Amino acid sequence: MTPEADPLADFLGHVAQHPELQEQLAGADFARVSAIAASAGFHVSRVALLRAQAQQILSLSDEELELLLDGHVDEVVALQEFDAYLGRM
């Protein structure tokens, strides 16, 4: 891994190729995601996950934030898939 490498992005790329990991990650908290990443050979800290989530929230439009605040998480996810978020980083 080079100093410029992003372990979270690398892990998410790996997850995209492995449906079984996608299933394991569904509903997982930061500690569980970090443990799953470690078992797959990636060091993804809970801090990195929190930062990524915070950056994703900060990148949401006002419309998306309103949907989120109104409890329409599924609609926000449909608008902002995590892969799209990574493309904006």
PDB file of N, CA and C in Angstrom:
ATOM      1  N   MET A   1       0.838  -1.173   0.000  1.00  0.00           N
ATOM      2  CA  MET A   1       0.000   0.000   0.000  1.00  0.00           C
ATOM      3  C   MET A   1       0.888   1.244   0.000  1.00  0.00           C
ATOM      4  N   THR A   2       0.613   2.175  -0.878  1.00  0.00           N
ATOM      5  CA  THR A   2       1.396   3.402  -0.960  1.00  0.00           C
ATOM      6  C   THR A   2       0.887   4.398   0.059  1.00  0.00           C
ATOM      7  N   PRO A   3       1.710   5.420   0.404  1.00  0.00           N
ATOM      8  CA  PRO A   3       1.238   6.416   1.371  1.00  0.00           C
ATOM      9  C   PRO A   3      -0.035   7.136   0.907  1.00  0.00           C
ATOM     10  N   GLU A   4      -0.266   7.226  -0.393  1.00  0.00           N
ATOM     11  CA  GLU A   4      -1.444   7.902  -0.917  1.00  0.00           C
ATOM     12  C   GLU A   4      -2.685   7.007  -0.901  1.00  0.00           C
ATOM     13  N   ALA A   5      -2.501   5.738  -0.623  1.00  0.00           N
ATOM     14  CA  ALA A   5      -3.624   4.797  -0.658  1.00  0.00           C
ATOM     15  C   ALA A   5      -4.632   5.139   0.437  1.00  0.00           C
ATOM     16  N   ASP A   6      -5.881   4.874   0.142  1.00  0.00           N
ATOM     17  CA  ASP A   6      -6.968   5.099   1.091  1.00  0.00           C
ATOM     18  C   ASP A   6      -7.510   3.731   1.483  1.00  0.00           C
ATOM     19  N   PRO A   7      -7.197   3.269   2.701  1.00  0.00           N
ATOM     20  CA  PRO A   7      -7.637   1.931   3.108  1.00  0.00           C
ATOM     21  C   PRO A   7      -9.152   1.741   3.024  1.00  0.00           C
ATOM     22  N   LEU A   8      -9.922   2.780   3.349  1.00  0.00           N
ATOM     23  CA  LEU A   8     -11.375   2.659   3.274  1.00  0.00           C
ATOM     24  C   LEU A   8     -11.828   2.486   1.835  1.00  0.00           C
ATOM     25  N   ALA A   9     -11.293   3.286   0.934  1.00  0.00           N
ATOM     26  CA  ALA A   9     -11.654   3.160  -0.482  1.00  0.00           C
ATOM     27  C   ALA A   9     -11.227   1.800  -1.022  1.00  0.00           C
ATOM     28  N   ASP A  10     -10.045   1.344  -0.608  1.00  0.00           N
ATOM     29  CA  ASP A  10      -9.575   0.023  -1.037  1.00  0.00           C
ATOM     30  C   ASP A  10     -10.514  -1.071  -0.530  1.00  0.00           C
ATOM     31  N   PHE A  11     -10.919  -0.958   0.724  1.00  0.00           N
ATOM     32  CA  PHE A  11     -11.832  -1.940   1.303  1.00  0.00           C
ATOM     33  C   PHE A  11     -13.178  -1.911   0.587  1.00  0.00           C
ATOM     34  N   LEU A  12     -13.711  -0.726   0.334  1.00  0.00           N
ATOM     35  CA  LEU A  12     -15.004  -0.636  -0.356  1.00  0.00           C
ATOM     36  C   LEU A  12     -14.930  -1.209  -1.762  1.00  0.00           C
ATOM     37  N   GLY A  13     -13.792  -1.021  -2.434  1.00  0.00           N
ATOM     38  CA  GLY A  13     -13.602  -1.645  -3.746  1.00  0.00           C
ATOM     39  C   GLY A  13     -13.620  -3.160  -3.637  1.00  0.00           C
ATOM     40  N   HIS A  14     -13.010  -3.669  -2.598  1.00  0.00           N
ATOM     41  CA  HIS A  14     -12.997  -5.116  -2.340  1.00  0.00           C
ATOM     42  C   HIS A  14     -14.415  -5.612  -2.052  1.00  0.00           C
ATOM     43  N   VAL A  15     -15.139  -4.866  -1.231  1.00  0.00           N
ATOM     44  CA  VAL A  15     -16.511  -5.237  -0.863  1.00  0.00           C
ATOM     45  C   VAL A  15     -17.399  -5.290  -2.108  1.00  0.00           C
ATOM     46  N   ALA A  16     -17.199  -4.370  -3.036  1.00  0.00           N
ATOM     47  CA  ALA A  16     -18.015  -4.336  -4.254  1.00  0.00           C
ATOM     48  C   ALA A  16     -17.902  -5.631  -5.040  1.00  0.00           C
ATOM     49  N   GLN A  17     -16.787  -6.333  -4.881  1.00  0.00           N
ATOM     50  CA  GLN A  17     -16.552  -7.582  -5.603  1.00  0.00           C
ATOM     51  C   GLN A  17     -16.957  -8.822  -4.812  1.00  0.00           C
ATOM     52  N   HIS A  18     -17.407  -8.645  -3.577  1.00  0.00           N
ATOM     53  CA  HIS A  18     -17.698  -9.786  -2.704  1.00  0.00           C
ATOM     54  C   HIS A  18     -19.062  -9.629  -2.027  1.00  0.00           C
ATOM     55  N   PRO A  19     -20.102 -10.183  -2.635  1.00  0.00           N
ATOM     56  CA  PRO A  19     -21.453 -10.073  -2.070  1.00  0.00           C
ATOM     57  C   PRO A  19     -21.571 -10.581  -0.635  1.00  0.00           C
ATOM     58  N   GLU A  20     -20.775 -11.573  -0.265  1.00  0.00           N
ATOM     59  CA  GLU A  20     -20.857 -12.093   1.095  1.00  0.00           C
ATOM     60  C   GLU A  20     -20.423 -11.029   2.104  1.00  0.00           C
ATOM     61  N   LEU A  21     -19.452 -10.187   1.736  1.00  0.00           N
ATOM     62  CA  LEU A  21     -19.056  -9.094   2.622  1.00  0.00           C
ATOM     63  C   LEU A  21     -20.146  -8.034   2.689  1.00  0.00           C
ATOM     64  N   GLN A  22     -20.807  -7.789   1.572  1.00  0.00           N
ATOM     65  CA  GLN A  22     -21.901  -6.827   1.564  1.00  0.00           C
ATOM     66  C   GLN A  22     -22.980  -7.251   2.552  1.00  0.00           C
ATOM     67  N   GLU A  23     -23.278  -8.543   2.576  1.00  0.00           N
ATOM     68  CA  GLU A  23     -24.280  -9.064   3.511  1.00  0.00           C
ATOM     69  C   GLU A  23     -23.824  -8.889   4.959  1.00  0.00           C
ATOM     70  N   GLN A  24     -22.543  -9.157   5.219  1.00  0.00           N
ATOM     71  CA  GLN A  24     -22.010  -9.018   6.578  1.00  0.00           C
ATOM     72  C   GLN A  24     -22.050  -7.560   7.041  1.00  0.00           C
ATOM     73  N   LEU A  25     -21.875  -6.632   6.125  1.00  0.00           N
ATOM     74  CA  LEU A  25     -21.814  -5.215   6.483  1.00  0.00           C
ATOM     75  C   LEU A  25     -23.181  -4.578   6.682  1.00  0.00           C
ATOM     76  N   ALA A  26     -24.213  -5.208   6.178  1.00  0.00           N
ATOM     77  CA  ALA A  26     -25.563  -4.641   6.292  1.00  0.00           C
ATOM     78  C   ALA A  26     -25.923  -4.462   7.766  1.00  0.00           C
ATOM     79  N   GLY A  27     -26.156  -3.228   8.157  1.00  0.00           N
ATOM     80  CA  GLY A  27     -26.554  -2.925   9.521  1.00  0.00           C
ATOM     81  C   GLY A  27     -25.436  -2.958  10.547  1.00  0.00           C
ATOM     82  N   ALA A  28     -24.191  -3.137  10.108  1.00  0.00           N
ATOM     83  CA  ALA A  28     -23.065  -3.220  11.039  1.00  0.00           C
ATOM     84  C   ALA A  28     -22.702  -1.831  11.576  1.00  0.00           C
ATOM     85  N   ASP A  29     -22.301  -1.781  12.851  1.00  0.00           N
ATOM     86  CA  ASP A  29     -21.818  -0.527  13.422  1.00  0.00           C
ATOM     87  C   ASP A  29     -20.334  -0.361  13.064  1.00  0.00           C
ATOM     88  N   PHE A  30     -19.756   0.777  13.472  1.00  0.00           N
ATOM     89  CA  PHE A  30     -18.365   1.067  13.104  1.00  0.00           C
ATOM     90  C   PHE A  30     -17.403  -0.012  13.590  1.00  0.00           C
ATOM     91  N   ALA A  31     -17.601  -0.496  14.798  1.00  0.00           N
ATOM     92  CA  ALA A  31     -16.700  -1.522  15.332  1.00  0.00           C
ATOM     93  C   ALA A  31     -16.779  -2.796  14.502  1.00  0.00           C
ATOM     94  N   ARG A  32     -17.976  -3.185  14.130  1.00  0.00           N
ATOM     95  CA  ARG A  32     -18.158  -4.407  13.327  1.00  0.00           C
ATOM     96  C   ARG A  32     -17.575  -4.224  11.930  1.00  0.00           C
ATOM     97  N   VAL A  33     -17.795  -3.059  11.313  1.00  0.00           N
ATOM     98  CA  VAL A  33     -17.228  -2.797   9.984  1.00  0.00           C
ATOM     99  C   VAL A  33     -15.712  -2.871  10.048  1.00  0.00           C
ATOM    100  N   SER A  34     -15.131  -2.260  11.068  1.00  0.00           N
ATOM    101  CA  SER A  34     -13.678  -2.290  11.234  1.00  0.00           C
ATOM    102  C   SER A  34     -13.173  -3.723  11.390  1.00  0.00           C
ATOM    103  N   ALA A  35     -13.888  -4.539  12.165  1.00  0.00           N
ATOM    104  CA  ALA A  35     -13.497  -5.942  12.360  1.00  0.00           C
ATOM    105  C   ALA A  35     -13.629  -6.744  11.070  1.00  0.00           C
ATOM    106  N   ILE A  36     -14.688  -6.497  10.318  1.00  0.00           N
ATOM    107  CA  ILE A  36     -14.874  -7.191   9.034  1.00  0.00           C
ATOM    108  C   ILE A  36     -13.759  -6.804   8.074  1.00  0.00           C
ATOM    109  N   ALA A  37     -13.424  -5.516   8.050  1.00  0.00           N
ATOM    110  CA  ALA A  37     -12.330  -5.050   7.182  1.00  0.00           C
ATOM    111  C   ALA A  37     -11.022  -5.730   7.575  1.00  0.00           C
ATOM    112  N   ALA A  38     -10.754  -5.791   8.869  1.00  0.00           N
ATOM    113  CA  ALA A  38      -9.515  -6.423   9.341  1.00  0.00           C
ATOM    114  C   ALA A  38      -9.461  -7.891   8.942  1.00  0.00           C
ATOM    115  N   SER A  39     -10.592  -8.583   9.047  1.00  0.00           N
ATOM    116  CA  SER A  39     -10.601 -10.001   8.680  1.00  0.00           C
ATOM    117  C   SER A  39     -10.396 -10.200   7.182  1.00  0.00           C
ATOM    118  N   ALA A  40     -10.658  -9.144   6.399  1.00  0.00           N
ATOM    119  CA  ALA A  40     -10.429  -9.209   4.957  1.00  0.00           C
ATOM    120  C   ALA A  40      -9.050  -8.661   4.580  1.00  0.00           C
ATOM    121  N   GLY A  41      -8.263  -8.271   5.590  1.00  0.00           N
ATOM    122  CA  GLY A  41      -6.897  -7.810   5.341  1.00  0.00           C
ATOM    123  C   GLY A  41      -6.751  -6.311   5.163  1.00  0.00           C
ATOM    124  N   PHE A  42      -7.723  -5.526   5.604  1.00  0.00           N
ATOM    125  CA  PHE A  42      -7.686  -4.070   5.462  1.00  0.00           C
ATOM    126  C   PHE A  42      -7.727  -3.423   6.840  1.00  0.00           C
ATOM    127  N   HIS A  43      -6.918  -2.393   7.037  1.00  0.00           N
ATOM    128  CA  HIS A  43      -6.963  -1.652   8.292  1.00  0.00           C
ATOM    129  C   HIS A  43      -7.838  -0.415   8.076  1.00  0.00           C
ATOM    130  N   VAL A  44      -9.064  -0.503   8.568  1.00  0.00           N
ATOM    131  CA  VAL A  44     -10.010   0.606   8.477  1.00  0.00           C
ATOM    132  C   VAL A  44     -10.454   0.908   9.905  1.00  0.00           C
ATOM    133  N   SER A  45     -10.005   2.042  10.420  1.00  0.00           N
ATOM    134  CA  SER A  45     -10.326   2.384  11.801  1.00  0.00           C
ATOM    135  C   SER A  45     -11.745   2.929  11.936  1.00  0.00           C
ATOM    136  N   ARG A  46     -12.247   2.861  13.149  1.00  0.00           N
ATOM    137  CA  ARG A  46     -13.562   3.450  13.425  1.00  0.00           C
ATOM    138  C   ARG A  46     -13.524   4.953  13.179  1.00  0.00           C
ATOM    139  N   VAL A  47     -12.385   5.580  13.459  1.00  0.00           N
ATOM    140  CA  VAL A  47     -12.235   7.021  13.209  1.00  0.00           C
ATOM    141  C   VAL A  47     -12.372   7.306  11.719  1.00  0.00           C
ATOM    142  N   ALA A  48     -11.742   6.498  10.883  1.00  0.00           N
ATOM    143  CA  ALA A  48     -11.842   6.691   9.428  1.00  0.00           C
ATOM    144  C   ALA A  48     -13.288   6.533   8.963  1.00  0.00           C
ATOM    145  N   LEU A  49     -13.999   5.584   9.542  1.00  0.00           N
ATOM    146  CA  LEU A  49     -15.403   5.373   9.183  1.00  0.00           C
ATOM    147  C   LEU A  49     -16.257   6.568   9.606  1.00  0.00           C
ATOM    148  N   LEU A  50     -16.015   7.084  10.802  1.00  0.00           N
ATOM    149  CA  LEU A  50     -16.759   8.247  11.278  1.00  0.00           C
ATOM    150  C   LEU A  50     -16.480   9.464  10.405  1.00  0.00           C
ATOM    151  N   ARG A  51     -15.201   9.669  10.052  1.00  0.00           N
ATOM    152  CA  ARG A  51     -14.851  10.799   9.169  1.00  0.00           C
ATOM    153  C   ARG A  51     -15.550  10.668   7.811  1.00  0.00           C
ATOM    154  N   ALA A  52     -15.543   9.465   7.270  1.00  0.00           N
ATOM    155  CA  ALA A  52     -16.190   9.248   5.968  1.00  0.00           C
ATOM    156  C   ALA A  52     -17.683   9.531   6.063  1.00  0.00           C
ATOM    157  N   GLN A  53     -18.303   9.095   7.151  1.00  0.00           N
ATOM    158  CA  GLN A  53     -19.733   9.359   7.333  1.00  0.00           C
ATOM    159  C   GLN A  53     -19.984  10.855   7.473  1.00  0.00           C
ATOM    160  N   ALA A  54     -19.150  11.536   8.247  1.00  0.00           N
ATOM    161  CA  ALA A  54     -19.303  12.979   8.427  1.00  0.00           C
ATOM    162  C   ALA A  54     -19.135  13.711   7.100  1.00  0.00           C
ATOM    163  N   GLN A  55     -18.142  13.327   6.317  1.00  0.00           N
ATOM    164  CA  GLN A  55     -17.934  13.952   5.018  1.00  0.00           C
ATOM    165  C   GLN A  55     -19.119  13.708   4.102  1.00  0.00           C
ATOM    166  N   GLN A  56     -19.670  12.504   4.176  1.00  0.00           N
ATOM    167  CA  GLN A  56     -20.830  12.192   3.344  1.00  0.00           C
ATOM    168  C   GLN A  56     -22.014  13.069   3.748  1.00  0.00           C
ATOM    169  N   ILE A  57     -22.245  13.206   5.030  1.00  0.00           N
ATOM    170  CA  ILE A  57     -23.351  14.042   5.500  1.00  0.00           C
ATOM    171  C   ILE A  57     -23.147  15.489   5.071  1.00  0.00           C
ATOM    172  N   LEU A  58     -21.930  15.996   5.204  1.00  0.00           N
ATOM    173  CA  LEU A  58     -21.643  17.376   4.818  1.00  0.00           C
ATOM    174  C   LEU A  58     -21.812  17.609   3.316  1.00  0.00           C
ATOM    175  N   SER A  59     -21.703  16.558   2.526  1.00  0.00           N
ATOM    176  CA  SER A  59     -21.823  16.712   1.075  1.00  0.00           C
ATOM    177  C   SER A  59     -23.273  16.625   0.590  1.00  0.00           C
ATOM    178  N   LEU A  60     -24.205  16.304   1.487  1.00  0.00           N
ATOM    179  CA  LEU A  60     -25.600  16.186   1.080  1.00  0.00           C
ATOM    180  C   LEU A  60     -26.198  17.552   0.756  1.00  0.00           C
ATOM    181  N   SER A  61     -27.074  17.564  -0.197  1.00  0.00           N
ATOM    182  CA  SER A  61     -27.795  18.794  -0.538  1.00  0.00           C
ATOM    183  C   SER A  61     -28.838  19.079   0.536  1.00  0.00           C
ATOM    184  N   ASP A  62     -29.371  20.287   0.515  1.00  0.00           N
ATOM    185  CA  ASP A  62     -30.429  20.628   1.471  1.00  0.00           C
ATOM    186  C   ASP A  62     -31.621  19.687   1.320  1.00  0.00           C
ATOM    187  N   GLU A  63     -31.963  19.347   0.074  1.00  0.00           N
ATOM    188  CA  GLU A  63     -33.073  18.432  -0.181  1.00  0.00           C
ATOM    189  C   GLU A  63     -32.811  17.069   0.465  1.00  0.00           C
ATOM    190  N   GLU A  64     -31.613  16.566   0.292  1.00  0.00           N
ATOM    191  CA  GLU A  64     -31.261  15.267   0.860  1.00  0.00           C
ATOM    192  C   GLU A  64     -31.260  15.315   2.392  1.00  0.00           C
ATOM    193  N   LEU A  65     -30.777  16.421   2.961  1.00  0.00           N
ATOM    194  CA  LEU A  65     -30.794  16.565   4.409  1.00  0.00           C
ATOM    195  C   LEU A  65     -32.219  16.613   4.938  1.00  0.00           C
ATOM    196  N   GLU A  66     -33.102  17.302   4.231  1.00  0.00           N
ATOM    197  CA  GLU A  66     -34.512  17.352   4.643  1.00  0.00           C
ATOM    198  C   GLU A  66     -35.116  15.947   4.615  1.00  0.00           C
ATOM    199  N   LEU A  67     -34.821  15.183   3.555  1.00  0.00           N
ATOM    200  CA  LEU A  67     -35.317  13.806   3.482  1.00  0.00           C
ATOM    201  C   LEU A  67     -34.803  12.986   4.664  1.00  0.00           C
ATOM    202  N   LEU A  68     -33.527  13.152   4.958  1.00  0.00           N
ATOM    203  CA  LEU A  68     -32.920  12.415   6.060  1.00  0.00           C
ATOM    204  C   LEU A  68     -33.578  12.801   7.386  1.00  0.00           C
ATOM    205  N   LEU A  69     -33.772  14.086   7.609  1.00  0.00           N
ATOM    206  CA  LEU A  69     -34.392  14.557   8.849  1.00  0.00           C
ATOM    207  C   LEU A  69     -35.834  14.095   8.981  1.00  0.00           C
ATOM    208  N   ASP A  70     -36.502  13.912   7.847  1.00  0.00           N
ATOM    209  CA  ASP A  70     -37.884  13.442   7.860  1.00  0.00           C
ATOM    210  C   ASP A  70     -37.988  11.922   7.933  1.00  0.00           C
ATOM    211  N   GLY A  71     -36.837  11.243   8.058  1.00  0.00           N
ATOM    212  CA  GLY A  71     -36.843   9.797   8.218  1.00  0.00           C
ATOM    213  C   GLY A  71     -36.851   9.005   6.929  1.00  0.00           C
ATOM    214  N   HIS A  72     -36.557   9.651   5.818  1.00  0.00           N
ATOM    215  CA  HIS A  72     -36.570   8.975   4.517  1.00  0.00           C
ATOM    216  C   HIS A  72     -35.162   8.521   4.132  1.00  0.00           C
ATOM    217  N   VAL A  73     -34.575   7.713   4.988  1.00  0.00           N
ATOM    218  CA  VAL A  73     -33.202   7.258   4.781  1.00  0.00           C
ATOM    219  C   VAL A  73     -33.064   6.514   3.461  1.00  0.00           C
ATOM    220  N   ASP A  74     -34.039   5.664   3.130  1.00  0.00           N
ATOM    221  CA  ASP A  74     -33.954   4.891   1.891  1.00  0.00           C
ATOM    222  C   ASP A  74     -33.889   5.802   0.672  1.00  0.00           C
ATOM    223  N   GLU A  75     -34.621   6.895   0.697  1.00  0.00           N
ATOM    224  CA  GLU A  75     -34.588   7.827  -0.428  1.00  0.00           C
ATOM    225  C   GLU A  75     -33.240   8.527  -0.524  1.00  0.00           C
ATOM    226  N   VAL A  76     -32.665   8.876   0.611  1.00  0.00           N
ATOM    227  CA  VAL A  76     -31.353   9.517   0.603  1.00  0.00           C
ATOM    228  C   VAL A  76     -30.309   8.552   0.074  1.00  0.00           C
ATOM    229  N   VAL A  77     -30.384   7.300   0.522  1.00  0.00           N
ATOM    230  CA  VAL A  77     -29.428   6.297   0.048  1.00  0.00           C
ATOM    231  C   VAL A  77     -29.569   6.110  -1.454  1.00  0.00           C
ATOM    232  N   ALA A  78     -30.793   6.115  -1.948  1.00  0.00           N
ATOM    233  CA  ALA A  78     -31.010   5.982  -3.386  1.00  0.00           C
ATOM    234  C   ALA A  78     -30.389   7.163  -4.125  1.00  0.00           C
ATOM    235  N   LEU A  79     -30.420   8.335  -3.531  1.00  0.00           N
ATOM    236  CA  LEU A  79     -29.849   9.523  -4.170  1.00  0.00           C
ATOM    237  C   LEU A  79     -28.335   9.575  -4.049  1.00  0.00           C
ATOM    238  N   GLN A  80     -27.822   9.060  -2.947  1.00  0.00           N
ATOM    239  CA  GLN A  80     -26.387   9.183  -2.649  1.00  0.00           C
ATOM    240  C   GLN A  80     -25.777   7.832  -2.312  1.00  0.00           C
ATOM    241  N   GLU A  81     -25.556   7.004  -3.266  1.00  0.00           N
ATOM    242  CA  GLU A  81     -24.896   5.734  -2.987  1.00  0.00           C
ATOM    243  C   GLU A  81     -23.464   6.003  -2.574  1.00  0.00           C
ATOM    244  N   PHE A  82     -22.942   5.163  -1.723  1.00  0.00           N
ATOM    245  CA  PHE A  82     -21.609   5.396  -1.183  1.00  0.00           C
ATOM    246  C   PHE A  82     -20.560   5.440  -2.289  1.00  0.00           C
ATOM    247  N   ASP A  83     -20.735   4.678  -3.333  1.00  0.00           N
ATOM    248  CA  ASP A  83     -19.792   4.742  -4.453  1.00  0.00           C
ATOM    249  C   ASP A  83     -19.756   6.121  -5.067  1.00  0.00           C
ATOM    250  N   ALA A  84     -20.904   6.756  -5.194  1.00  0.00           N
ATOM    251  CA  ALA A  84     -20.958   8.105  -5.744  1.00  0.00           C
ATOM    252  C   ALA A  84     -20.242   9.070  -4.808  1.00  0.00           C
ATOM    253  N   TYR A  85     -20.403   8.854  -3.522  1.00  0.00           N
ATOM    254  CA  TYR A  85     -19.714   9.684  -2.540  1.00  0.00           C
ATOM    255  C   TYR A  85     -18.191   9.567  -2.719  1.00  0.00           C
ATOM    256  N   LEU A  86     -17.700   8.371  -2.890  1.00  0.00           N
ATOM    257  CA  LEU A  86     -16.259   8.193  -3.061  1.00  0.00           C
ATOM    258  C   LEU A  86     -15.741   8.911  -4.297  1.00  0.00           C
ATOM    259  N   GLY A  87     -16.564   8.974  -5.325  1.00  0.00           N
ATOM    260  CA  GLY A  87     -16.173   9.676  -6.530  1.00  0.00           C
ATOM    261  C   GLY A  87     -16.039  11.176  -6.335  1.00  0.00           C
ATOM    262  N   ARG A  88     -16.696  11.718  -5.293  1.00  0.00           N
ATOM    263  CA  ARG A  88     -16.644  13.156  -5.033  1.00  0.00           C
ATOM    264  C   ARG A  88     -15.531  13.527  -4.077  1.00  0.00           C
ATOM    265  N   MET A  89     -14.908  12.549  -3.442  1.00  0.00           N
ATOM    266  CA  MET A  89     -13.860  12.852  -2.444  1.00  0.00           C
ATOM    267  C   MET A  89     -12.646  13.467  -3.100  1.00  0.00           C
TER     268      MET A  89
END
